[in-house]
Every structure is written in structure tokens, then in C-alpha cells.
Amino acid sequence: MHIKKIAIIFSLIIAANSYSANTVLEQITPNKQVIISGIREAKNGVQTNFVYNEDAMYTIYCRVNYLTAIMLAPNEQIISVSGGDTARWQKSQSTTGSSEGTRQVIYIKPFSINLRTNLIINTNKRMYNINLYSAKEWYNPVVKWLYPDEVMKIQEAKEKTIVTTGNLEDHNYNYTVSTKRYDFTPSSIFDDGQKTYFVLKNTQELPVFYIREKGSKQDQLVNFRIQGNYYIIDRIFEEGVLKLGNKRIVIKNKNYRYKEE
């Protein structure tokens, strides 16, 4: 799995409030179609965040006299909404604004308990296959999806702009590494006077980064962010260490004093 994919998965898990803990995988059929249920969120009456998979069927729980709001992606347009049981289920559509853009919303309400049907939503971007159940005392009040493909596009766009931000002539590339034999050795290192960037190869190994402060005998763990194949440290340094298990790569900034003046 590439660093880019790992970073995206981490962000989606956090955004979905731990997808693996809150979403139940009910069935995996031979054709790899999965049924994903929001039953745990329904029992707690909280928002459900599914991670979109075009091969998945999503189970949503509804309740008599209550509305379930199914919210699509920002600027996603509904083409059709088809229900299996249109006599005992009510559905309607609306539009709402959000910080990310206009969202189309589908409202679902059952007329009695213990009903089962399906709902198919076709949009200009994708298709949603949904199983609907009417429960007695609990339901999914709000349902949303997170979209790995769209997150990937955003990350790729950031990658294209990250290096070209500012004047390239002002970037400092005068860094050395102690060894190049490890898979996690950066292919490029540079800073813009405020932030330091490591470009790493696609690898499953994710090292941690420490800074060696002048006069200190201990390495200091430093926070960093991952964008695509970039490690981003919100400072510059004279000497640092990438560590993975017992493997170490010492990184030295040869222009450190110049940058500090």
C-alpha cells in the first residue's frame, strides 16, 4: 500500500469516527459485493458515515414518525431515486447548503415497523444501493458518505502545487543523508525557509522523524504531516533522524546557519 493510500485511509477513518468500529460488515458474497450496516449508529441515534464502495450495499435503519436524511456529496446531482415499496415508505427530496457546497438530500420515512425494501439512487457521479429497514425504537437520523477517489484527487492536486508554491530559487536543497540503502530514504529533501519537505518513495514503511537539537544528547520527536509522498515538518533544522525500528538515516541541513540569519 502506497504512502498516499495510507494517508487517505487514516484521514477517512478519523473523519468517520472509526469506520471499522462503528460500521458492521454483515456479509461478503462470492462476487465480492459487501453489505455494510449502520446498525450501531442507529442504536445510538448518531450520524452514520459510510466509506463509499461501488460494490457495496448499505443497510439503513428508519423509524415510524421520524425522518432519515440521506445526504449526497457536495454538488452531486440526483438523476433518479427508485424504491421497491413505494406504498408503505415515503420519500422526498430537498437541497441544503453546506460549507463544502450545495448538497442534495433524500428524506425517508416508513409508515409501520418491521418493513423491508430497497432504494437505488442514481446520480451524475455514482450509484447507491441501499437496503431499508424500519425498526421500532432506533434509526439512522443522518447518513453521509466519504469518498476515497475524491480525496485522492484532492491529494494529487496538492502534490502538484506544493513544490511550486513560492519562488523555487528560494528553496534550499543543500541536504545530505547518511545512507541511501533503506527503502524509506527520501528521494529529495528541501525547505522554503519555514517548512521542510521530504519526498519519500512509495513504501509500506512509515518512519518517524526526530530532530537533534544543538547541545542535546537526546533526539526530539517532531510532529509531521503526510501529503501524498511528502513528509512536511513545520520548521527547519540543522540535523535530524528518520527512524524505522533499528534503522536510522541522519539528515543534515548544510545551509542551516544561512537560513537562521
C-alpha atoms as a PDB file:
ATOM      1  CA  MET A   1       0.000   0.000   0.000  1.00  0.00           C
ATOM      2  CA  HIS A   2       1.443   3.394  -1.006  1.00  0.00           C
ATOM      3  CA  ILE A   3       2.037   6.211   1.481  1.00  0.00           C
ATOM      4  CA  LYS A   4      -0.644   8.208  -0.330  1.00  0.00           C
ATOM      5  CA  LYS A   5      -3.239   5.474   0.184  1.00  0.00           C
ATOM      6  CA  ILE A   6      -2.227   5.005   3.824  1.00  0.00           C
ATOM      7  CA  ALA A   7      -2.638   8.719   4.490  1.00  0.00           C
ATOM      8  CA  ILE A   8      -6.064   8.759   2.840  1.00  0.00           C
ATOM      9  CA  ILE A   9      -7.228   5.728   4.799  1.00  0.00           C
ATOM     10  CA  PHE A  10      -6.049   7.341   8.059  1.00  0.00           C
ATOM     11  CA  SER A  11      -7.943  10.543   7.283  1.00  0.00           C
ATOM     12  CA  LEU A  12     -11.130   8.699   6.348  1.00  0.00           C
ATOM     13  CA  ILE A  13     -11.027   6.546   9.466  1.00  0.00           C
ATOM     14  CA  ILE A  14     -10.654   9.643  11.638  1.00  0.00           C
ATOM     15  CA  ALA A  15     -13.372  11.526   9.770  1.00  0.00           C
ATOM     16  CA  ALA A  16     -15.764   8.578  10.005  1.00  0.00           C
ATOM     17  CA  ASN A  17     -15.129   8.291  13.748  1.00  0.00           C
ATOM     18  CA  SER A  18     -13.505   4.888  13.341  1.00  0.00           C
ATOM     19  CA  TYR A  19     -15.205   3.206  10.402  1.00  0.00           C
ATOM     20  CA  SER A  20     -14.106  -0.275  11.475  1.00  0.00           C
ATOM     21  CA  ALA A  21     -15.562   0.161  14.960  1.00  0.00           C
ATOM     22  CA  ASN A  22     -18.894   1.733  14.060  1.00  0.00           C
ATOM     23  CA  THR A  23     -19.858   0.081  10.789  1.00  0.00           C
ATOM     24  CA  VAL A  24     -20.853  -3.565  10.656  1.00  0.00           C
ATOM     25  CA  LEU A  25     -19.769  -5.702   7.724  1.00  0.00           C
ATOM     26  CA  GLU A  26     -22.672  -8.153   7.564  1.00  0.00           C
ATOM     27  CA  GLN A  27     -21.861 -10.265   4.539  1.00  0.00           C
ATOM     28  CA  ILE A  28     -19.260 -10.848   1.861  1.00  0.00           C
ATOM     29  CA  THR A  29     -20.671 -12.717  -1.113  1.00  0.00           C
ATOM     30  CA  PRO A  30     -18.660 -14.697  -3.707  1.00  0.00           C
ATOM     31  CA  ASN A  31     -18.851 -11.799  -6.189  1.00  0.00           C
ATOM     32  CA  LYS A  32     -17.165  -9.554  -3.597  1.00  0.00           C
ATOM     33  CA  GLN A  33     -20.301  -7.490  -3.070  1.00  0.00           C
ATOM     34  CA  VAL A  34     -20.498  -6.388   0.550  1.00  0.00           C
ATOM     35  CA  ILE A  35     -23.384  -5.335   2.740  1.00  0.00           C
ATOM     36  CA  ILE A  36     -22.446  -2.575   5.163  1.00  0.00           C
ATOM     37  CA  SER A  37     -24.764  -1.731   8.027  1.00  0.00           C
ATOM     38  CA  GLY A  38     -25.172   1.349  10.191  1.00  0.00           C
ATOM     39  CA  ILE A  39     -26.896  -0.589  12.970  1.00  0.00           C
ATOM     40  CA  ARG A  40     -24.550   0.540  15.741  1.00  0.00           C
ATOM     41  CA  GLU A  41     -25.044   4.203  14.895  1.00  0.00           C
ATOM     42  CA  ALA A  42     -28.800   3.588  14.629  1.00  0.00           C
ATOM     43  CA  LYS A  43     -28.952   2.168  18.151  1.00  0.00           C
ATOM     44  CA  ASN A  44     -27.090   5.245  19.418  1.00  0.00           C
ATOM     45  CA  GLY A  45     -29.068   7.692  17.290  1.00  0.00           C
ATOM     46  CA  VAL A  46     -25.974   9.314  15.797  1.00  0.00           C
ATOM     47  CA  GLN A  47     -24.865  10.284  12.299  1.00  0.00           C
ATOM     48  CA  THR A  48     -23.677   7.444  10.073  1.00  0.00           C
ATOM     49  CA  ASN A  49     -20.609   7.947   7.872  1.00  0.00           C
ATOM     50  CA  PHE A  50     -20.135   5.216   5.275  1.00  0.00           C
ATOM     51  CA  VAL A  51     -16.978   4.920   3.174  1.00  0.00           C
ATOM     52  CA  TYR A  52     -18.209   4.667  -0.409  1.00  0.00           C
ATOM     53  CA  ASN A  53     -17.618   1.435  -2.324  1.00  0.00           C
ATOM     54  CA  GLU A  54     -19.342   0.970  -5.675  1.00  0.00           C
ATOM     55  CA  ASP A  55     -19.736  -2.770  -4.982  1.00  0.00           C
ATOM     56  CA  ALA A  56     -21.375  -2.296  -1.569  1.00  0.00           C
ATOM     57  CA  MET A  57     -24.987  -2.399  -0.449  1.00  0.00           C
ATOM     58  CA  TYR A  58     -25.715  -0.147   2.528  1.00  0.00           C
ATOM     59  CA  THR A  59     -28.239  -1.043   5.210  1.00  0.00           C
ATOM     60  CA  ILE A  60     -30.008   1.979   6.690  1.00  0.00           C
ATOM     61  CA  TYR A  61     -32.448   1.815   9.602  1.00  0.00           C
ATOM     62  CA  CYS A  62     -35.530   4.033   9.728  1.00  0.00           C
ATOM     63  CA  ARG A  63     -38.293   4.636  12.282  1.00  0.00           C
ATOM     64  CA  VAL A  64     -42.007   5.411  12.144  1.00  0.00           C
ATOM     65  CA  ASN A  65     -42.757   9.140  12.599  1.00  0.00           C
ATOM     66  CA  TYR A  66     -39.078  10.049  12.156  1.00  0.00           C
ATOM     67  CA  LEU A  67     -37.179  11.185   9.073  1.00  0.00           C
ATOM     68  CA  THR A  68     -33.889   9.699   7.932  1.00  0.00           C
ATOM     69  CA  ALA A  69     -31.841  12.196   5.908  1.00  0.00           C
ATOM     70  CA  ILE A  70     -29.575  10.675   3.236  1.00  0.00           C
ATOM     71  CA  MET A  71     -27.075  13.358   2.220  1.00  0.00           C
ATOM     72  CA  LEU A  72     -25.110  13.101  -1.009  1.00  0.00           C
ATOM     73  CA  ALA A  73     -21.727  14.615  -1.804  1.00  0.00           C
ATOM     74  CA  PRO A  74     -21.412  18.379  -2.312  1.00  0.00           C
ATOM     75  CA  ASN A  75     -22.545  19.372  -5.824  1.00  0.00           C
ATOM     76  CA  GLU A  76     -23.625  15.783  -6.638  1.00  0.00           C
ATOM     77  CA  GLN A  77     -26.834  15.798  -8.695  1.00  0.00           C
ATOM     78  CA  ILE A  78     -29.627  13.232  -8.388  1.00  0.00           C
ATOM     79  CA  ILE A  79     -30.763  11.635 -11.647  1.00  0.00           C
ATOM     80  CA  SER A  80     -33.295   9.176 -10.209  1.00  0.00           C
ATOM     81  CA  VAL A  81     -34.435   7.664  -6.908  1.00  0.00           C
ATOM     82  CA  SER A  82     -36.275   4.333  -7.123  1.00  0.00           C
ATOM     83  CA  GLY A  83     -37.845   2.422  -4.227  1.00  0.00           C
ATOM     84  CA  GLY A  84     -39.082  -1.154  -4.093  1.00  0.00           C
ATOM     85  CA  ASP A  85     -42.046  -0.497  -1.775  1.00  0.00           C
ATOM     86  CA  THR A  86     -43.484   2.910  -2.603  1.00  0.00           C
ATOM     87  CA  ALA A  87     -46.815   2.269  -0.834  1.00  0.00           C
ATOM     88  CA  ARG A  88     -45.510   1.857   2.721  1.00  0.00           C
ATOM     89  CA  TRP A  89     -42.470   4.119   2.508  1.00  0.00           C
ATOM     90  CA  GLN A  90     -42.422   7.861   1.959  1.00  0.00           C
ATOM     91  CA  LYS A  91     -39.520   9.578   0.209  1.00  0.00           C
ATOM     92  CA  SER A  92     -38.908  13.190  -0.714  1.00  0.00           C
ATOM     93  CA  GLN A  93     -36.007  15.300  -1.955  1.00  0.00           C
ATOM     94  CA  SER A  94     -34.570  18.645  -1.000  1.00  0.00           C
ATOM     95  CA  THR A  95     -31.419  20.743  -1.263  1.00  0.00           C
ATOM     96  CA  THR A  96     -29.334  22.191   1.547  1.00  0.00           C
ATOM     97  CA  GLY A  97     -26.242  24.330   1.744  1.00  0.00           C
ATOM     98  CA  SER A  98     -23.020  23.369   3.498  1.00  0.00           C
ATOM     99  CA  SER A  99     -19.500  24.707   3.968  1.00  0.00           C
ATOM    100  CA  GLU A 100     -18.416  22.408   1.117  1.00  0.00           C
ATOM    101  CA  GLY A 101     -21.160  23.346  -1.323  1.00  0.00           C
ATOM    102  CA  THR A 102     -24.788  22.532  -2.103  1.00  0.00           C
ATOM    103  CA  ARG A 103     -25.948  19.049  -1.064  1.00  0.00           C
ATOM    104  CA  GLN A 104     -28.987  17.149  -2.266  1.00  0.00           C
ATOM    105  CA  VAL A 105     -30.859  15.301   0.467  1.00  0.00           C
ATOM    106  CA  ILE A 106     -33.308  12.391   0.309  1.00  0.00           C
ATOM    107  CA  TYR A 107     -35.716  12.015   3.236  1.00  0.00           C
ATOM    108  CA  ILE A 108     -37.076   8.552   4.058  1.00  0.00           C
ATOM    109  CA  LYS A 109     -39.929   7.636   6.432  1.00  0.00           C
ATOM    110  CA  PRO A 110     -41.673   4.258   6.933  1.00  0.00           C
ATOM    111  CA  PHE A 111     -45.399   4.006   7.710  1.00  0.00           C
ATOM    112  CA  SER A 112     -45.086   0.957  10.017  1.00  0.00           C
ATOM    113  CA  ILE A 113     -42.457  -1.162  11.768  1.00  0.00           C
ATOM    114  CA  ASN A 114     -40.732  -4.322  10.516  1.00  0.00           C
ATOM    115  CA  LEU A 115     -40.784  -3.240   6.887  1.00  0.00           C
ATOM    116  CA  ARG A 116     -38.025  -4.057   4.430  1.00  0.00           C
ATOM    117  CA  THR A 117     -37.359  -2.687   0.990  1.00  0.00           C
ATOM    118  CA  ASN A 118     -34.549  -1.347  -1.146  1.00  0.00           C
ATOM    119  CA  LEU A 119     -33.655   2.039  -2.568  1.00  0.00           C
ATOM    120  CA  ILE A 120     -31.477   2.795  -5.593  1.00  0.00           C
ATOM    121  CA  ILE A 121     -30.089   6.294  -6.052  1.00  0.00           C
ATOM    122  CA  ASN A 122     -28.517   7.221  -9.385  1.00  0.00           C
ATOM    123  CA  THR A 123     -26.535  10.456  -9.602  1.00  0.00           C
ATOM    124  CA  ASN A 124     -24.221  12.157 -12.069  1.00  0.00           C
ATOM    125  CA  LYS A 125     -21.271  10.611 -10.207  1.00  0.00           C
ATOM    126  CA  ARG A 126     -22.249   7.188  -8.850  1.00  0.00           C
ATOM    127  CA  MET A 127     -24.956   4.711  -7.853  1.00  0.00           C
ATOM    128  CA  TYR A 128     -26.030   3.880  -4.299  1.00  0.00           C
ATOM    129  CA  ASN A 129     -27.624   0.511  -3.477  1.00  0.00           C
ATOM    130  CA  ILE A 130     -29.457   0.725  -0.159  1.00  0.00           C
ATOM    131  CA  ASN A 131     -31.441  -1.720   1.968  1.00  0.00           C
ATOM    132  CA  LEU A 132     -34.059  -0.035   4.172  1.00  0.00           C
ATOM    133  CA  TYR A 133     -35.369  -1.476   7.440  1.00  0.00           C
ATOM    134  CA  SER A 134     -37.990   0.058   9.734  1.00  0.00           C
ATOM    135  CA  ALA A 135     -37.099  -0.543  13.385  1.00  0.00           C
ATOM    136  CA  LYS A 136     -39.254   0.009  16.458  1.00  0.00           C
ATOM    137  CA  GLU A 137     -37.093   2.225  18.669  1.00  0.00           C
ATOM    138  CA  TRP A 138     -33.910   3.240  16.836  1.00  0.00           C
ATOM    139  CA  TYR A 139     -32.853   4.604  13.455  1.00  0.00           C
ATOM    140  CA  ASN A 140     -30.142   6.390  11.453  1.00  0.00           C
ATOM    141  CA  PRO A 141     -31.057  10.096  11.615  1.00  0.00           C
ATOM    142  CA  VAL A 142     -28.414  11.291   9.130  1.00  0.00           C
ATOM    143  CA  VAL A 143     -26.423   9.261   6.602  1.00  0.00           C
ATOM    144  CA  LYS A 144     -23.400  10.535   4.669  1.00  0.00           C
ATOM    145  CA  TRP A 145     -20.610   9.008   2.612  1.00  0.00           C
ATOM    146  CA  LEU A 146     -16.871   9.614   2.460  1.00  0.00           C
ATOM    147  CA  TYR A 147     -15.314   9.194  -0.992  1.00  0.00           C
ATOM    148  CA  PRO A 148     -11.739   7.810  -1.299  1.00  0.00           C
ATOM    149  CA  ASP A 149     -11.478   8.658  -5.022  1.00  0.00           C
ATOM    150  CA  GLU A 150     -12.313  12.311  -4.435  1.00  0.00           C
ATOM    151  CA  VAL A 151      -9.893  12.543  -1.517  1.00  0.00           C
ATOM    152  CA  MET A 152      -7.211  11.055  -3.808  1.00  0.00           C
ATOM    153  CA  LYS A 153      -7.839  13.767  -6.420  1.00  0.00           C
ATOM    154  CA  ILE A 154      -7.512  16.488  -3.791  1.00  0.00           C
ATOM    155  CA  GLN A 155      -4.251  14.999  -2.531  1.00  0.00           C
ATOM    156  CA  GLU A 156      -2.865  14.763  -6.078  1.00  0.00           C
ATOM    157  CA  ALA A 157      -3.765  18.394  -6.720  1.00  0.00           C
ATOM    158  CA  LYS A 158      -1.955  19.399  -3.535  1.00  0.00           C
ATOM    159  CA  GLU A 159       1.093  17.397  -4.632  1.00  0.00           C
ATOM    160  CA  LYS A 160       1.242  19.318  -7.915  1.00  0.00           C
ATOM    161  CA  THR A 161       1.132  22.698  -6.186  1.00  0.00           C
ATOM    162  CA  ILE A 162       3.197  22.033  -3.072  1.00  0.00           C
ATOM    163  CA  VAL A 163       6.595  22.336  -4.781  1.00  0.00           C
ATOM    164  CA  THR A 164       5.658  25.312  -6.952  1.00  0.00           C
ATOM    165  CA  THR A 165       4.388  27.450  -4.078  1.00  0.00           C
ATOM    166  CA  GLY A 166       6.626  30.497  -3.837  1.00  0.00           C
ATOM    167  CA  ASN A 167       9.879  31.053  -5.692  1.00  0.00           C
ATOM    168  CA  LEU A 168      11.761  27.826  -6.379  1.00  0.00           C
ATOM    169  CA  GLU A 169      15.045  29.740  -6.311  1.00  0.00           C
ATOM    170  CA  ASP A 170      14.445  30.460  -2.627  1.00  0.00           C
ATOM    171  CA  HIS A 171      14.216  26.770  -1.758  1.00  0.00           C
ATOM    172  CA  ASN A 172      17.169  25.141  -0.026  1.00  0.00           C
ATOM    173  CA  TYR A 173      18.121  21.707  -1.389  1.00  0.00           C
ATOM    174  CA  ASN A 174      21.502  21.531   0.353  1.00  0.00           C
ATOM    175  CA  TYR A 175      20.813  18.434   2.483  1.00  0.00           C
ATOM    176  CA  THR A 176      22.790  15.228   2.969  1.00  0.00           C
ATOM    177  CA  VAL A 177      21.711  11.785   4.159  1.00  0.00           C
ATOM    178  CA  SER A 178      23.889   9.262   5.975  1.00  0.00           C
ATOM    179  CA  THR A 179      22.745   6.300   3.872  1.00  0.00           C
ATOM    180  CA  LYS A 180      20.634   5.501   0.809  1.00  0.00           C
ATOM    181  CA  ARG A 181      20.296   1.769   1.310  1.00  0.00           C
ATOM    182  CA  TYR A 182      16.908   1.819   3.049  1.00  0.00           C
ATOM    183  CA  ASP A 183      13.566   1.890   1.249  1.00  0.00           C
ATOM    184  CA  PHE A 184      12.447   4.899   3.300  1.00  0.00           C
ATOM    185  CA  THR A 185      15.423   7.065   2.296  1.00  0.00           C
ATOM    186  CA  PRO A 186      14.000  10.362   0.936  1.00  0.00           C
ATOM    187  CA  SER A 187      14.477  10.829  -2.799  1.00  0.00           C
ATOM    188  CA  SER A 188      14.554  14.601  -2.243  1.00  0.00           C
ATOM    189  CA  ILE A 189      14.790  16.998   0.720  1.00  0.00           C
ATOM    190  CA  PHE A 190      14.272  20.760   0.657  1.00  0.00           C
ATOM    191  CA  ASP A 191      12.915  23.660   2.687  1.00  0.00           C
ATOM    192  CA  ASP A 192      11.332  27.019   1.918  1.00  0.00           C
ATOM    193  CA  GLY A 193      12.767  28.783   4.958  1.00  0.00           C
ATOM    194  CA  GLN A 194       9.808  27.845   7.147  1.00  0.00           C
ATOM    195  CA  LYS A 195       8.870  24.248   6.378  1.00  0.00           C
ATOM    196  CA  THR A 196      10.956  21.209   5.456  1.00  0.00           C
ATOM    197  CA  TYR A 197       9.785  18.652   2.885  1.00  0.00           C
ATOM    198  CA  PHE A 198      10.878  15.028   2.445  1.00  0.00           C
ATOM    199  CA  VAL A 199       9.869  13.238  -0.751  1.00  0.00           C
ATOM    200  CA  LEU A 200       9.596   9.524   0.006  1.00  0.00           C
ATOM    201  CA  LYS A 201       9.203   6.571  -2.309  1.00  0.00           C
ATOM    202  CA  ASN A 202       6.013   4.537  -2.376  1.00  0.00           C
ATOM    203  CA  THR A 203       6.533   2.140   0.509  1.00  0.00           C
ATOM    204  CA  GLN A 204       4.620   0.464   3.299  1.00  0.00           C
ATOM    205  CA  GLU A 205       7.282   1.534   5.776  1.00  0.00           C
ATOM    206  CA  LEU A 206       6.466   4.797   7.536  1.00  0.00           C
ATOM    207  CA  PRO A 207       9.404   6.146   9.562  1.00  0.00           C
ATOM    208  CA  VAL A 208       9.210   8.674  12.379  1.00  0.00           C
ATOM    209  CA  PHE A 209      11.280  11.844  12.455  1.00  0.00           C
ATOM    210  CA  TYR A 210      13.440  13.258  15.239  1.00  0.00           C
ATOM    211  CA  ILE A 211      15.436  16.485  15.458  1.00  0.00           C
ATOM    212  CA  ARG A 212      18.833  16.662  17.108  1.00  0.00           C
ATOM    213  CA  GLU A 213      18.945  19.968  18.950  1.00  0.00           C
ATOM    214  CA  LYS A 214      22.388  21.503  19.260  1.00  0.00           C
ATOM    215  CA  GLY A 215      23.991  20.603  22.602  1.00  0.00           C
ATOM    216  CA  SER A 216      21.357  17.960  23.408  1.00  0.00           C
ATOM    217  CA  LYS A 217      22.203  14.273  23.733  1.00  0.00           C
ATOM    218  CA  GLN A 218      18.644  13.120  23.052  1.00  0.00           C
ATOM    219  CA  ASP A 219      16.679  13.166  19.806  1.00  0.00           C
ATOM    220  CA  GLN A 220      13.410  15.083  19.971  1.00  0.00           C
ATOM    221  CA  LEU A 221      10.330  13.562  18.336  1.00  0.00           C
ATOM    222  CA  VAL A 222       8.794  16.021  15.864  1.00  0.00           C
ATOM    223  CA  ASN A 223       5.256  16.153  14.514  1.00  0.00           C
ATOM    224  CA  PHE A 224       4.866  15.948  10.745  1.00  0.00           C
ATOM    225  CA  ARG A 225       2.098  15.740   8.169  1.00  0.00           C
ATOM    226  CA  ILE A 226       1.775  13.458   5.177  1.00  0.00           C
ATOM    227  CA  GLN A 227       0.543  14.756   1.814  1.00  0.00           C
ATOM    228  CA  GLY A 228       0.851  12.154  -0.899  1.00  0.00           C
ATOM    229  CA  ASN A 229       4.519  11.164  -0.909  1.00  0.00           C
ATOM    230  CA  TYR A 230       5.594  14.215   1.093  1.00  0.00           C
ATOM    231  CA  TYR A 231       6.549  14.418   4.756  1.00  0.00           C
ATOM    232  CA  ILE A 232       6.036  18.037   5.866  1.00  0.00           C
ATOM    233  CA  ILE A 233       7.749  19.366   9.005  1.00  0.00           C
ATOM    234  CA  ASP A 234       6.638  22.823  10.137  1.00  0.00           C
ATOM    235  CA  ARG A 235      10.166  24.086  10.820  1.00  0.00           C
ATOM    236  CA  ILE A 236      13.735  23.905   9.569  1.00  0.00           C
ATOM    237  CA  PHE A 237      16.563  22.150  11.410  1.00  0.00           C
ATOM    238  CA  GLU A 238      20.293  21.566  11.377  1.00  0.00           C
ATOM    239  CA  GLU A 239      20.282  17.814  11.934  1.00  0.00           C
ATOM    240  CA  GLY A 240      17.513  15.245  12.095  1.00  0.00           C
ATOM    241  CA  VAL A 241      16.997  11.485  12.104  1.00  0.00           C
ATOM    242  CA  LEU A 242      14.462   9.301  10.308  1.00  0.00           C
ATOM    243  CA  LYS A 243      13.938   6.107  12.305  1.00  0.00           C
ATOM    244  CA  LEU A 244      12.210   2.854  11.483  1.00  0.00           C
ATOM    245  CA  GLY A 245      12.851   0.137  14.035  1.00  0.00           C
ATOM    246  CA  ASN A 246      16.616  -0.160  14.360  1.00  0.00           C
ATOM    247  CA  LYS A 247      17.212   1.588  11.034  1.00  0.00           C
ATOM    248  CA  ARG A 248      18.373   5.212  11.129  1.00  0.00           C
ATOM    249  CA  ILE A 249      19.016   7.850   8.499  1.00  0.00           C
ATOM    250  CA  VAL A 250      20.779  11.021   9.646  1.00  0.00           C
ATOM    251  CA  ILE A 251      19.789  14.127   7.672  1.00  0.00           C
ATOM    252  CA  LYS A 252      21.892  17.304   7.751  1.00  0.00           C
ATOM    253  CA  ASN A 253      20.947  20.773   6.529  1.00  0.00           C
ATOM    254  CA  LYS A 254      24.159  22.308   5.190  1.00  0.00           C
ATOM    255  CA  ASN A 255      22.557  25.752   4.850  1.00  0.00           C
ATOM    256  CA  TYR A 256      21.059  25.852   8.336  1.00  0.00           C
ATOM    257  CA  ARG A 257      23.048  28.839   9.631  1.00  0.00           C
ATOM    258  CA  TYR A 258      22.290  30.815   6.481  1.00  0.00           C
ATOM    259  CA  LYS A 259      18.572  30.134   6.869  1.00  0.00           C
ATOM    260  CA  GLU A 260      18.595  31.140  10.521  1.00  0.00           C
ATOM    261  CA  GLU A 261      20.099  34.578   9.915  1.00  0.00           C
END
